[in-house]
Each structure stands twice: as structure tokens, then as C-alpha cells.
Amino acid sequence: WHKADPSHRLHGFYHPGTALRNARQDFALTPREENIIH
């Protein structure tokens, strides 16, 4: 997120959603794990 890229704007606000989407793609998550990430 340190690299200049318009998609990284407001990283602090948006990265939990991105992290959750990526984690869902790669792993079977429990609702508790999803809540932690999001």
C-alpha cells in the first residue's frame, strides 16, 4: 500500500474488505474468522 496507486487511497478504511475477499478466495473461513478480518 506504500506504492503510488489510486487503488491504495484510503487503505486504512478499505483494506479489511480486500483482506476478507482474498481470504475467502483462498480459504474456507468460519463466521468468527470473517468477523476478525473484516
Full PDB file with SEQRES, HELIX, SHEET, SSBOND, CRYST1, ORIGX, SCALE, CONECT and MASTER records, all heavy atoms in Angstrom:
SEQRES   1 A   38  TRP HIS LYS ALA ASP PRO SER HIS ARG LEU HIS GLY PHE          
SEQRES   2 A   38  TYR HIS PRO GLY THR ALA LEU ARG ASN ALA ARG GLN ASP          
SEQRES   3 A   38  PHE ALA LEU THR PRO ARG GLU GLU ASN ILE ILE HIS              
HELIX    1 AA1 PRO A    6  HIS A    8  5                                   3    
HELIX    2 AA2 HIS A   11  ASP A   26  1                                  16    
HELIX    3 AA3 PRO A   31  ILE A   37  1                                   7    
CRYST1    1.000    1.000    1.000  90.00  90.00  90.00 P 1           1          
ORIGX1      1.000000  0.000000  0.000000        0.00000                         
ORIGX2      0.000000  1.000000  0.000000        0.00000                         
ORIGX3      0.000000  0.000000  1.000000        0.00000                         
SCALE1      1.000000  0.000000  0.000000        0.00000                         
SCALE2      0.000000  1.000000  0.000000        0.00000                         
SCALE3      0.000000  0.000000  1.000000        0.00000                         
ATOM      1  N   TRP A   1       0.809  -1.217   0.000  1.00  0.00           N  
ATOM      2  CA  TRP A   1       0.000   0.000   0.000  1.00  0.00           C  
ATOM      3  C   TRP A   1       0.843   1.269   0.000  1.00  0.00           C  
ATOM      4  O   TRP A   1       0.313   2.357  -0.195  1.00  0.00           O  
ATOM      5  CB  TRP A   1      -0.993  -0.004   1.161  1.00  0.00           C  
ATOM      6  CG  TRP A   1      -0.399   0.004   2.541  1.00  0.00           C  
ATOM      7  CD1 TRP A   1      -0.029  -1.069   3.284  1.00  0.00           C  
ATOM      8  CD2 TRP A   1      -0.141   1.158   3.344  1.00  0.00           C  
ATOM      9  NE1 TRP A   1       0.451  -0.668   4.504  1.00  0.00           N  
ATOM     10  CE2 TRP A   1       0.391   0.691   4.568  1.00  0.00           C  
ATOM     11  CE3 TRP A   1      -0.298   2.521   3.165  1.00  0.00           C  
ATOM     12  CZ2 TRP A   1       0.764   1.550   5.600  1.00  0.00           C  
ATOM     13  CZ3 TRP A   1       0.069   3.378   4.192  1.00  0.00           C  
ATOM     14  CH2 TRP A   1       0.592   2.890   5.387  1.00  0.00           C  
ATOM     15  N   HIS A   2       2.148   1.143   0.137  1.00  0.00           N  
ATOM     16  CA  HIS A   2       3.020   2.323   0.085  1.00  0.00           C  
ATOM     17  C   HIS A   2       3.290   2.764  -1.350  1.00  0.00           C  
ATOM     18  O   HIS A   2       3.724   3.886  -1.577  1.00  0.00           O  
ATOM     19  CB  HIS A   2       4.343   2.021   0.786  1.00  0.00           C  
ATOM     20  CG  HIS A   2       4.165   1.688   2.227  1.00  0.00           C  
ATOM     21  ND1 HIS A   2       3.988   0.384   2.659  1.00  0.00           N  
ATOM     22  CD2 HIS A   2       4.105   2.465   3.327  1.00  0.00           C  
ATOM     23  CE1 HIS A   2       3.851   0.387   3.965  1.00  0.00           C  
ATOM     24  NE2 HIS A   2       3.916   1.637   4.393  1.00  0.00           N  
ATOM     25  N   LYS A   3       3.069   1.875  -2.310  1.00  0.00           N  
ATOM     26  CA  LYS A   3       3.300   2.216  -3.716  1.00  0.00           C  
ATOM     27  C   LYS A   3       2.196   3.140  -4.209  1.00  0.00           C  
ATOM     28  O   LYS A   3       1.021   2.937  -3.903  1.00  0.00           O  
ATOM     29  CB  LYS A   3       3.352   0.949  -4.574  1.00  0.00           C  
ATOM     30  CG  LYS A   3       4.580   0.116  -4.296  1.00  0.00           C  
ATOM     31  CD  LYS A   3       4.674  -1.072  -5.201  1.00  0.00           C  
ATOM     32  CE  LYS A   3       5.953  -1.842  -4.864  1.00  0.00           C  
ATOM     33  NZ  LYS A   3       6.034  -3.084  -5.608  1.00  0.00           N  
ATOM     34  N   ALA A   4       2.607   4.133  -4.994  1.00  0.00           N  
ATOM     35  CA  ALA A   4       1.643   5.085  -5.540  1.00  0.00           C  
ATOM     36  C   ALA A   4       0.706   4.361  -6.496  1.00  0.00           C  
ATOM     37  O   ALA A   4       1.123   3.857  -7.535  1.00  0.00           O  
ATOM     38  CB  ALA A   4       2.368   6.223  -6.248  1.00  0.00           C  
ATOM     39  N   ASP A   5      -0.540   4.275  -6.110  1.00  0.00           N  
ATOM     40  CA  ASP A   5      -1.549   3.595  -6.915  1.00  0.00           C  
ATOM     41  C   ASP A   5      -2.903   4.114  -6.438  1.00  0.00           C  
ATOM     42  O   ASP A   5      -3.184   4.075  -5.235  1.00  0.00           O  
ATOM     43  CB  ASP A   5      -1.440   2.083  -6.690  1.00  0.00           C  
ATOM     44  CG  ASP A   5      -2.399   1.276  -7.551  1.00  0.00           C  
ATOM     45  OD1 ASP A   5      -3.547   1.716  -7.740  1.00  0.00           O  
ATOM     46  OD2 ASP A   5      -2.006   0.196  -8.002  1.00  0.00           O  
ATOM     47  N   PRO A   6      -3.730   4.599  -7.341  1.00  0.00           N  
ATOM     48  CA  PRO A   6      -5.030   5.127  -6.917  1.00  0.00           C  
ATOM     49  C   PRO A   6      -5.880   4.134  -6.123  1.00  0.00           C  
ATOM     50  O   PRO A   6      -6.661   4.529  -5.272  1.00  0.00           O  
ATOM     51  CB  PRO A   6      -5.731   5.486  -8.232  1.00  0.00           C  
ATOM     52  CG  PRO A   6      -4.643   5.612  -9.242  1.00  0.00           C  
ATOM     53  CD  PRO A   6      -3.523   4.720  -8.783  1.00  0.00           C  
ATOM     54  N   SER A   7      -5.701   2.840  -6.375  1.00  0.00           N  
ATOM     55  CA  SER A   7      -6.496   1.845  -5.647  1.00  0.00           C  
ATOM     56  C   SER A   7      -6.068   1.717  -4.183  1.00  0.00           C  
ATOM     57  O   SER A   7      -6.768   1.107  -3.383  1.00  0.00           O  
ATOM     58  CB  SER A   7      -6.413   0.482  -6.334  1.00  0.00           C  
ATOM     59  OG  SER A   7      -5.123  -0.072  -6.194  1.00  0.00           O  
ATOM     60  N   HIS A   8      -4.931   2.297  -3.818  1.00  0.00           N  
ATOM     61  CA  HIS A   8      -4.445   2.222  -2.446  1.00  0.00           C  
ATOM     62  C   HIS A   8      -4.878   3.425  -1.613  1.00  0.00           C  
ATOM     63  O   HIS A   8      -4.552   3.501  -0.433  1.00  0.00           O  
ATOM     64  CB  HIS A   8      -2.917   2.125  -2.418  1.00  0.00           C  
ATOM     65  CG  HIS A   8      -2.391   0.935  -3.137  1.00  0.00           C  
ATOM     66  ND1 HIS A   8      -1.062   0.772  -3.396  1.00  0.00           N  
ATOM     67  CD2 HIS A   8      -2.997  -0.161  -3.666  1.00  0.00           C  
ATOM     68  CE1 HIS A   8      -0.866  -0.356  -4.044  1.00  0.00           C  
ATOM     69  NE2 HIS A   8      -2.033  -0.938  -4.219  1.00  0.00           N  
ATOM     70  N   ARG A   9      -5.592   4.344  -2.239  1.00  0.00           N  
ATOM     71  CA  ARG A   9      -6.093   5.502  -1.492  1.00  0.00           C  
ATOM     72  C   ARG A   9      -7.024   5.023  -0.390  1.00  0.00           C  
ATOM     73  O   ARG A   9      -7.781   4.088  -0.567  1.00  0.00           O  
ATOM     74  CB  ARG A   9      -6.845   6.455  -2.414  1.00  0.00           C  
ATOM     75  CG  ARG A   9      -5.926   7.221  -3.359  1.00  0.00           C  
ATOM     76  CD  ARG A   9      -6.728   8.123  -4.247  1.00  0.00           C  
ATOM     77  NE  ARG A   9      -7.850   8.713  -3.533  1.00  0.00           N  
ATOM     78  CZ  ARG A   9      -8.056  10.001  -3.380  1.00  0.00           C  
ATOM     79  NH1 ARG A   9      -7.245  10.838  -3.919  1.00  0.00           N  
ATOM     80  NH2 ARG A   9      -9.103  10.438  -2.709  1.00  0.00           N  
ATOM     81  N   LEU A  10      -6.920   5.658   0.728  1.00  0.00           N  
ATOM     82  CA  LEU A  10      -7.750   5.327   1.887  1.00  0.00           C  
ATOM     83  C   LEU A  10      -7.594   3.856   2.299  1.00  0.00           C  
ATOM     84  O   LEU A  10      -8.548   3.200   2.725  1.00  0.00           O  
ATOM     85  CB  LEU A  10      -9.223   5.677   1.619  1.00  0.00           C  
ATOM     86  CG  LEU A  10      -9.481   7.153   1.270  1.00  0.00           C  
ATOM     87  CD1 LEU A  10     -10.934   7.354   0.885  1.00  0.00           C  
ATOM     88  CD2 LEU A  10      -9.087   8.059   2.426  1.00  0.00           C  
ATOM     89  N   HIS A  11      -6.370   3.382   2.197  1.00  0.00           N  
ATOM     90  CA  HIS A  11      -6.043   1.999   2.526  1.00  0.00           C  
ATOM     91  C   HIS A  11      -6.589   1.589   3.902  1.00  0.00           C  
ATOM     92  O   HIS A  11      -7.157   0.504   4.050  1.00  0.00           O  
ATOM     93  CB  HIS A  11      -4.519   1.811   2.476  1.00  0.00           C  
ATOM     94  CG  HIS A  11      -4.050   0.541   3.089  1.00  0.00           C  
ATOM     95  ND1 HIS A  11      -4.117  -0.672   2.438  1.00  0.00           N  
ATOM     96  CD2 HIS A  11      -3.517   0.283   4.311  1.00  0.00           C  
ATOM     97  CE1 HIS A  11      -3.642  -1.616   3.222  1.00  0.00           C  
ATOM     98  NE2 HIS A  11      -3.275  -1.074   4.358  1.00  0.00           N  
ATOM     99  N   GLY A  12      -6.433   2.443   4.892  1.00  0.00           N  
ATOM    100  CA  GLY A  12      -6.872   2.112   6.247  1.00  0.00           C  
ATOM    101  C   GLY A  12      -8.351   1.777   6.334  1.00  0.00           C  
ATOM    102  O   GLY A  12      -8.762   0.942   7.138  1.00  0.00           O  
ATOM    103  N   PHE A  13      -9.139   2.417   5.489  1.00  0.00           N  
ATOM    104  CA  PHE A  13     -10.584   2.188   5.509  1.00  0.00           C  
ATOM    105  C   PHE A  13     -10.997   0.956   4.704  1.00  0.00           C  
ATOM    106  O   PHE A  13     -11.953   0.281   5.057  1.00  0.00           O  
ATOM    107  CB  PHE A  13     -11.329   3.400   4.940  1.00  0.00           C  
ATOM    108  CG  PHE A  13     -11.194   4.627   5.791  1.00  0.00           C  
ATOM    109  CD1 PHE A  13     -10.235   5.583   5.490  1.00  0.00           C  
ATOM    110  CD2 PHE A  13     -12.018   4.820   6.886  1.00  0.00           C  
ATOM    111  CE1 PHE A  13     -10.107   6.716   6.272  1.00  0.00           C  
ATOM    112  CE2 PHE A  13     -11.893   5.953   7.672  1.00  0.00           C  
ATOM    113  CZ  PHE A  13     -10.932   6.909   7.371  1.00  0.00           C  
ATOM    114  N   TYR A  14     -10.293   0.698   3.604  1.00  0.00           N  
ATOM    115  CA  TYR A  14     -10.748  -0.321   2.663  1.00  0.00           C  
ATOM    116  C   TYR A  14     -10.038  -1.664   2.745  1.00  0.00           C  
ATOM    117  O   TYR A  14     -10.554  -2.662   2.255  1.00  0.00           O  
ATOM    118  CB  TYR A  14     -10.662   0.218   1.228  1.00  0.00           C  
ATOM    119  CG  TYR A  14     -11.610   1.361   1.003  1.00  0.00           C  
ATOM    120  CD1 TYR A  14     -11.137   2.627   0.681  1.00  0.00           C  
ATOM    121  CD2 TYR A  14     -12.983   1.182   1.126  1.00  0.00           C  
ATOM    122  CE1 TYR A  14     -12.010   3.684   0.490  1.00  0.00           C  
ATOM    123  CE2 TYR A  14     -13.860   2.235   0.939  1.00  0.00           C  
ATOM    124  CZ  TYR A  14     -13.373   3.482   0.618  1.00  0.00           C  
ATOM    125  OH  TYR A  14     -14.247   4.520   0.446  1.00  0.00           O  
ATOM    126  N   HIS A  15      -8.849  -1.716   3.352  1.00  0.00           N  
ATOM    127  CA  HIS A  15      -8.117  -2.981   3.306  1.00  0.00           C  
ATOM    128  C   HIS A  15      -8.782  -4.138   4.060  1.00  0.00           C  
ATOM    129  O   HIS A  15      -8.599  -5.288   3.659  1.00  0.00           O  
ATOM    130  CB  HIS A  15      -6.645  -2.797   3.723  1.00  0.00           C  
ATOM    131  CG  HIS A  15      -6.412  -2.777   5.187  1.00  0.00           C  
ATOM    132  ND1 HIS A  15      -6.416  -1.612   5.922  1.00  0.00           N  
ATOM    133  CD2 HIS A  15      -6.143  -3.778   6.059  1.00  0.00           C  
ATOM    134  CE1 HIS A  15      -6.158  -1.906   7.184  1.00  0.00           C  
ATOM    135  NE2 HIS A  15      -5.996  -3.205   7.295  1.00  0.00           N  
ATOM    136  N   PRO A  16      -9.590  -3.905   5.106  1.00  0.00           N  
ATOM    137  CA  PRO A  16     -10.246  -5.068   5.713  1.00  0.00           C  
ATOM    138  C   PRO A  16     -11.167  -5.812   4.732  1.00  0.00           C  
ATOM    139  O   PRO A  16     -11.191  -7.047   4.728  1.00  0.00           O  
ATOM    140  CB  PRO A  16     -11.043  -4.471   6.880  1.00  0.00           C  
ATOM    141  CG  PRO A  16     -10.305  -3.219   7.230  1.00  0.00           C  
ATOM    142  CD  PRO A  16      -9.831  -2.686   5.907  1.00  0.00           C  
ATOM    143  N   GLY A  17     -11.878  -5.079   3.903  1.00  0.00           N  
ATOM    144  CA  GLY A  17     -12.737  -5.716   2.902  1.00  0.00           C  
ATOM    145  C   GLY A  17     -11.933  -6.469   1.860  1.00  0.00           C  
ATOM    146  O   GLY A  17     -12.301  -7.577   1.450  1.00  0.00           O  
ATOM    147  N   THR A  18     -10.827  -5.877   1.435  1.00  0.00           N  
ATOM    148  CA  THR A  18      -9.949  -6.537   0.470  1.00  0.00           C  
ATOM    149  C   THR A  18      -9.343  -7.798   1.077  1.00  0.00           C  
ATOM    150  O   THR A  18      -9.293  -8.846   0.430  1.00  0.00           O  
ATOM    151  CB  THR A  18      -8.834  -5.573   0.009  1.00  0.00           C  
ATOM    152  OG1 THR A  18      -9.431  -4.393  -0.526  1.00  0.00           O  
ATOM    153  CG2 THR A  18      -7.925  -6.217  -1.022  1.00  0.00           C  
ATOM    154  N   ALA A  19      -8.894  -7.690   2.323  1.00  0.00           N  
ATOM    155  CA  ALA A  19      -8.318  -8.855   3.006  1.00  0.00           C  
ATOM    156  C   ALA A  19      -9.344  -9.976   3.124  1.00  0.00           C  
ATOM    157  O   ALA A  19      -9.024 -11.150   2.897  1.00  0.00           O  
ATOM    158  CB  ALA A  19      -7.805  -8.451   4.387  1.00  0.00           C  
ATOM    159  N   LEU A  20     -10.576  -9.620   3.447  1.00  0.00           N  
ATOM    160  CA  LEU A  20     -11.626 -10.628   3.579  1.00  0.00           C  
ATOM    161  C   LEU A  20     -11.927 -11.290   2.232  1.00  0.00           C  
ATOM    162  O   LEU A  20     -12.047 -12.522   2.149  1.00  0.00           O  
ATOM    163  CB  LEU A  20     -12.896 -10.013   4.174  1.00  0.00           C  
ATOM    164  CG  LEU A  20     -14.063 -10.971   4.399  1.00  0.00           C  
ATOM    165  CD1 LEU A  20     -13.665 -12.142   5.291  1.00  0.00           C  
ATOM    166  CD2 LEU A  20     -15.245 -10.205   4.992  1.00  0.00           C  
ATOM    167  N   ARG A  21     -12.010 -10.496   1.169  1.00  0.00           N  
ATOM    168  CA  ARG A  21     -12.256 -11.073  -0.165  1.00  0.00           C  
ATOM    169  C   ARG A  21     -11.145 -12.045  -0.556  1.00  0.00           C  
ATOM    170  O   ARG A  21     -11.407 -13.155  -1.034  1.00  0.00           O  
ATOM    171  CB  ARG A  21     -12.376  -9.967  -1.223  1.00  0.00           C  
ATOM    172  CG  ARG A  21     -13.751  -9.355  -1.326  1.00  0.00           C  
ATOM    173  CD  ARG A  21     -13.892  -8.458  -2.528  1.00  0.00           C  
ATOM    174  NE  ARG A  21     -12.923  -7.370  -2.591  1.00  0.00           N  
ATOM    175  CZ  ARG A  21     -13.019  -6.229  -1.893  1.00  0.00           C  
ATOM    176  NH1 ARG A  21     -14.047  -6.028  -1.094  1.00  0.00           N  
ATOM    177  NH2 ARG A  21     -12.101  -5.299  -2.010  1.00  0.00           N  
ATOM    178  N   ASN A  22      -9.894 -11.634  -0.361  1.00  0.00           N  
ATOM    179  CA  ASN A  22      -8.760 -12.508  -0.692  1.00  0.00           C  
ATOM    180  C   ASN A  22      -8.769 -13.785   0.147  1.00  0.00           C  
ATOM    181  O   ASN A  22      -8.519 -14.880  -0.368  1.00  0.00           O  
ATOM    182  CB  ASN A  22      -7.436 -11.771  -0.486  1.00  0.00           C  
ATOM    183  CG  ASN A  22      -7.197 -10.704  -1.517  1.00  0.00           C  
ATOM    184  OD1 ASN A  22      -7.786 -10.715  -2.592  1.00  0.00           O  
ATOM    185  ND2 ASN A  22      -6.335  -9.750  -1.189  1.00  0.00           N  
ATOM    186  N   ALA A  23      -9.046 -13.642   1.444  1.00  0.00           N  
ATOM    187  CA  ALA A  23      -9.055 -14.804   2.335  1.00  0.00           C  
ATOM    188  C   ALA A  23     -10.172 -15.770   1.944  1.00  0.00           C  
ATOM    189  O   ALA A  23      -9.980 -16.990   1.960  1.00  0.00           O  
ATOM    190  CB  ALA A  23      -9.202 -14.361   3.787  1.00  0.00           C  
ATOM    191  N   ARG A  24     -11.326 -15.237   1.567  1.00  0.00           N  
ATOM    192  CA  ARG A  24     -12.439 -16.097   1.132  1.00  0.00           C  
ATOM    193  C   ARG A  24     -12.083 -16.854  -0.143  1.00  0.00           C  
ATOM    194  O   ARG A  24     -12.527 -17.985  -0.338  1.00  0.00           O  
ATOM    195  CB  ARG A  24     -13.695 -15.263   0.886  1.00  0.00           C  
ATOM    196  CG  ARG A  24     -14.440 -14.885   2.136  1.00  0.00           C  
ATOM    197  CD  ARG A  24     -15.621 -14.014   1.784  1.00  0.00           C  
ATOM    198  NE  ARG A  24     -16.456 -13.720   2.937  1.00  0.00           N  
ATOM    199  CZ  ARG A  24     -17.253 -12.676   3.007  1.00  0.00           C  
ATOM    200  NH1 ARG A  24     -17.351 -11.813   1.997  1.00  0.00           N  
ATOM    201  NH2 ARG A  24     -17.982 -12.472   4.085  1.00  0.00           N  
ATOM    202  N   GLN A  25     -11.305 -16.224  -1.024  1.00  0.00           N  
ATOM    203  CA  GLN A  25     -10.893 -16.899  -2.260  1.00  0.00           C  
ATOM    204  C   GLN A  25      -9.979 -18.090  -1.976  1.00  0.00           C  
ATOM    205  O   GLN A  25     -10.031 -19.100  -2.669  1.00  0.00           O  
ATOM    206  CB  GLN A  25     -10.151 -15.924  -3.187  1.00  0.00           C  
ATOM    207  CG  GLN A  25     -11.024 -14.919  -3.866  1.00  0.00           C  
ATOM    208  CD  GLN A  25     -10.195 -13.913  -4.665  1.00  0.00           C  
ATOM    209  OE1 GLN A  25      -8.974 -13.979  -4.727  1.00  0.00           O  
ATOM    210  NE2 GLN A  25     -10.883 -12.965  -5.288  1.00  0.00           N  
ATOM    211  N   ASP A  26      -9.119 -17.938  -0.966  1.00  0.00           N  
ATOM    212  CA  ASP A  26      -8.086 -18.944  -0.715  1.00  0.00           C  
ATOM    213  C   ASP A  26      -8.429 -19.971   0.362  1.00  0.00           C  
ATOM    214  O   ASP A  26      -7.834 -21.050   0.385  1.00  0.00           O  
ATOM    215  CB  ASP A  26      -6.775 -18.256  -0.321  1.00  0.00           C  
ATOM    216  CG  ASP A  26      -6.143 -17.493  -1.470  1.00  0.00           C  
ATOM    217  OD1 ASP A  26      -6.679 -17.540  -2.598  1.00  0.00           O  
ATOM    218  OD2 ASP A  26      -5.109 -16.841  -1.244  1.00  0.00           O  
ATOM    219  N   PHE A  27      -9.347 -19.636   1.265  1.00  0.00           N  
ATOM    220  CA  PHE A  27      -9.597 -20.491   2.426  1.00  0.00           C  
ATOM    221  C   PHE A  27     -11.090 -20.593   2.728  1.00  0.00           C  
ATOM    222  O   PHE A  27     -11.850 -19.679   2.431  1.00  0.00           O  
ATOM    223  CB  PHE A  27      -8.892 -19.928   3.675  1.00  0.00           C  
ATOM    224  CG  PHE A  27      -7.447 -19.611   3.469  1.00  0.00           C  
ATOM    225  CD1 PHE A  27      -7.031 -18.300   3.304  1.00  0.00           C  
ATOM    226  CD2 PHE A  27      -6.493 -20.620   3.420  1.00  0.00           C  
ATOM    227  CE1 PHE A  27      -5.696 -17.996   3.104  1.00  0.00           C  
ATOM    228  CE2 PHE A  27      -5.158 -20.326   3.222  1.00  0.00           C  
ATOM    229  CZ  PHE A  27      -4.755 -19.007   3.059  1.00  0.00           C  
ATOM    230  N   ALA A  28     -11.453 -21.680   3.382  1.00  0.00           N  
ATOM    231  CA  ALA A  28     -12.805 -21.806   3.937  1.00  0.00           C  
ATOM    232  C   ALA A  28     -12.758 -21.151   5.313  1.00  0.00           C  
ATOM    233  O   ALA A  28     -12.026 -21.611   6.198  1.00  0.00           O  
ATOM    234  CB  ALA A  28     -13.187 -23.274   4.061  1.00  0.00           C  
ATOM    235  N   LEU A  29     -13.479 -20.060   5.473  1.00  0.00           N  
ATOM    236  CA  LEU A  29     -13.452 -19.295   6.720  1.00  0.00           C  
ATOM    237  C   LEU A  29     -14.709 -19.535   7.539  1.00  0.00           C  
ATOM    238  O   LEU A  29     -15.797 -19.707   6.990  1.00  0.00           O  
ATOM    239  CB  LEU A  29     -13.357 -17.794   6.417  1.00  0.00           C  
ATOM    240  CG  LEU A  29     -12.159 -17.316   5.612  1.00  0.00           C  
ATOM    241  CD1 LEU A  29     -12.308 -15.833   5.285  1.00  0.00           C  
ATOM    242  CD2 LEU A  29     -10.852 -17.566   6.355  1.00  0.00           C  
ATOM    243  N   THR A  30     -14.547 -19.482   8.843  1.00  0.00           N  
ATOM    244  CA  THR A  30     -15.709 -19.530   9.732  1.00  0.00           C  
ATOM    245  C   THR A  30     -16.245 -18.100   9.878  1.00  0.00           C  
ATOM    246  O   THR A  30     -15.513 -17.128   9.615  1.00  0.00           O  
ATOM    247  CB  THR A  30     -15.321 -20.060  11.127  1.00  0.00           C  
ATOM    248  OG1 THR A  30     -14.457 -19.114  11.760  1.00  0.00           O  
ATOM    249  CG2 THR A  30     -14.648 -21.434  11.035  1.00  0.00           C  
ATOM    250  N   PRO A  31     -17.484 -17.949  10.308  1.00  0.00           N  
ATOM    251  CA  PRO A  31     -18.008 -16.597  10.553  1.00  0.00           C  
ATOM    252  C   PRO A  31     -17.161 -15.814  11.563  1.00  0.00           C  
ATOM    253  O   PRO A  31     -16.965 -14.605  11.419  1.00  0.00           O  
ATOM    254  CB  PRO A  31     -19.426 -16.849  11.093  1.00  0.00           C  
ATOM    255  CG  PRO A  31     -19.817 -18.165  10.508  1.00  0.00           C  
ATOM    256  CD  PRO A  31     -18.537 -18.969  10.466  1.00  0.00           C  
ATOM    257  N   ARG A  32     -16.619 -16.499  12.541  1.00  0.00           N  
ATOM    258  CA  ARG A  32     -15.767 -15.853  13.559  1.00  0.00           C  
ATOM    259  C   ARG A  32     -14.484 -15.309  12.902  1.00  0.00           C  
ATOM    260  O   ARG A  32     -14.066 -14.186  13.181  1.00  0.00           O  
ATOM    261  CB  ARG A  32     -15.442 -16.869  14.642  1.00  0.00           C  
ATOM    262  CG  ARG A  32     -14.965 -16.300  15.940  1.00  0.00           C  
ATOM    263  CD  ARG A  32     -14.885 -17.392  17.006  1.00  0.00           C  
ATOM    264  NE  ARG A  32     -16.183 -17.951  17.295  1.00  0.00           N  
ATOM    265  CZ  ARG A  32     -16.985 -17.547  18.277  1.00  0.00           C  
ATOM    266  NH1 ARG A  32     -16.596 -16.593  19.086  1.00  0.00           N  
ATOM    267  NH2 ARG A  32     -18.158 -18.115  18.465  1.00  0.00           N  
ATOM    268  N   GLU A  33     -13.875 -16.099  12.034  1.00  0.00           N  
ATOM    269  CA  GLU A  33     -12.663 -15.652  11.326  1.00  0.00           C  
ATOM    270  C   GLU A  33     -12.981 -14.475  10.418  1.00  0.00           C  
ATOM    271  O   GLU A  33     -12.208 -13.508  10.350  1.00  0.00           O  
ATOM    272  CB  GLU A  33     -12.067 -16.812  10.522  1.00  0.00           C  
ATOM    273  CG  GLU A  33     -11.504 -17.916  11.397  1.00  0.00           C  
ATOM    274  CD  GLU A  33     -11.275 -19.235  10.682  1.00  0.00           C  
ATOM    275  OE1 GLU A  33     -11.697 -19.390   9.512  1.00  0.00           O  
ATOM    276  OE2 GLU A  33     -10.668 -20.124  11.306  1.00  0.00           O  
ATOM    277  N   GLU A  34     -14.117 -14.524   9.740  1.00  0.00           N  
ATOM    278  CA  GLU A  34     -14.525 -13.412   8.879  1.00  0.00           C  
ATOM    279  C   GLU A  34     -14.710 -12.136   9.686  1.00  0.00           C  
ATOM    280  O   GLU A  34     -14.319 -11.052   9.250  1.00  0.00           O  
ATOM    281  CB  GLU A  34     -15.809 -13.766   8.129  1.00  0.00           C  
ATOM    282  CG  GLU A  34     -15.592 -14.814   7.060  1.00  0.00           C  
ATOM    283  CD  GLU A  34     -16.827 -15.059   6.207  1.00  0.00           C  
ATOM    284  OE1 GLU A  34     -17.887 -14.442   6.460  1.00  0.00           O  
ATOM    285  OE2 GLU A  34     -16.722 -15.879   5.266  1.00  0.00           O  
ATOM    286  N   ASN A  35     -15.302 -12.254  10.864  1.00  0.00           N  
ATOM    287  CA  ASN A  35     -15.515 -11.084  11.707  1.00  0.00           C  
ATOM    288  C   ASN A  35     -14.188 -10.477  12.153  1.00  0.00           C  
ATOM    289  O   ASN A  35     -14.030  -9.256  12.176  1.00  0.00           O  
ATOM    290  CB  ASN A  35     -16.384 -11.457  12.916  1.00  0.00           C  
ATOM    291  CG  ASN A  35     -16.802 -10.246  13.717  1.00  0.00           C  
ATOM    292  OD1 ASN A  35     -16.193  -9.931  14.729  1.00  0.00           O  
ATOM    293  ND2 ASN A  35     -17.830  -9.557  13.234  1.00  0.00           N  
ATOM    294  N   ILE A  36     -13.232 -11.320  12.486  1.00  0.00           N  
ATOM    295  CA  ILE A  36     -11.903 -10.839  12.885  1.00  0.00           C  
ATOM    296  C   ILE A  36     -11.285 -10.023  11.752  1.00  0.00           C  
ATOM    297  O   ILE A  36     -10.804  -8.905  11.969  1.00  0.00           O  
ATOM    298  CB  ILE A  36     -10.980 -12.017  13.261  1.00  0.00           C  
ATOM    299  CG1 ILE A  36     -11.456 -12.694  14.541  1.00  0.00           C  
ATOM    300  CG2 ILE A  36      -9.532 -11.541  13.405  1.00  0.00           C  
ATOM    301  CD1 ILE A  36     -10.792 -14.043  14.818  1.00  0.00           C  
ATOM    302  N   ILE A  37     -11.278 -10.580  10.566  1.00  0.00           N  
ATOM    303  CA  ILE A  37     -10.645  -9.930   9.411  1.00  0.00           C  
ATOM    304  C   ILE A  37     -11.378  -8.645   9.046  1.00  0.00           C  
ATOM    305  O   ILE A  37     -10.749  -7.591   8.867  1.00  0.00           O  
ATOM    306  CB  ILE A  37     -10.615 -10.895   8.196  1.00  0.00           C  
ATOM    307  CG1 ILE A  37      -9.764 -12.130   8.510  1.00  0.00           C  
ATOM    308  CG2 ILE A  37     -10.097 -10.174   6.951  1.00  0.00           C  
ATOM    309  CD1 ILE A  37      -9.964 -13.285   7.538  1.00  0.00           C  
ATOM    310  N   HIS A  38     -12.677  -8.688   8.966  1.00  0.00           N  
ATOM    311  CA  HIS A  38     -13.449  -7.555   8.464  1.00  0.00           C  
ATOM    312  C   HIS A  38     -13.531  -6.379   9.435  1.00  0.00           C  
ATOM    313  O   HIS A  38     -13.668  -5.228   9.014  1.00  0.00           O  
ATOM    314  CB  HIS A  38     -14.856  -8.015   8.074  1.00  0.00           C  
ATOM    315  CG  HIS A  38     -15.551  -7.064   7.174  1.00  0.00           C  
ATOM    316  ND1 HIS A  38     -16.767  -6.541   7.460  1.00  0.00           N  
ATOM    317  CD2 HIS A  38     -15.170  -6.531   5.979  1.00  0.00           C  
ATOM    318  CE1 HIS A  38     -17.127  -5.716   6.482  1.00  0.00           C  
ATOM    319  NE2 HIS A  38     -16.174  -5.701   5.578  1.00  0.00           N  
TER     320      HIS A  38                                                      
MASTER        0    0    0    3    0    0    0    6  319    1    0    3          
END                                                                             
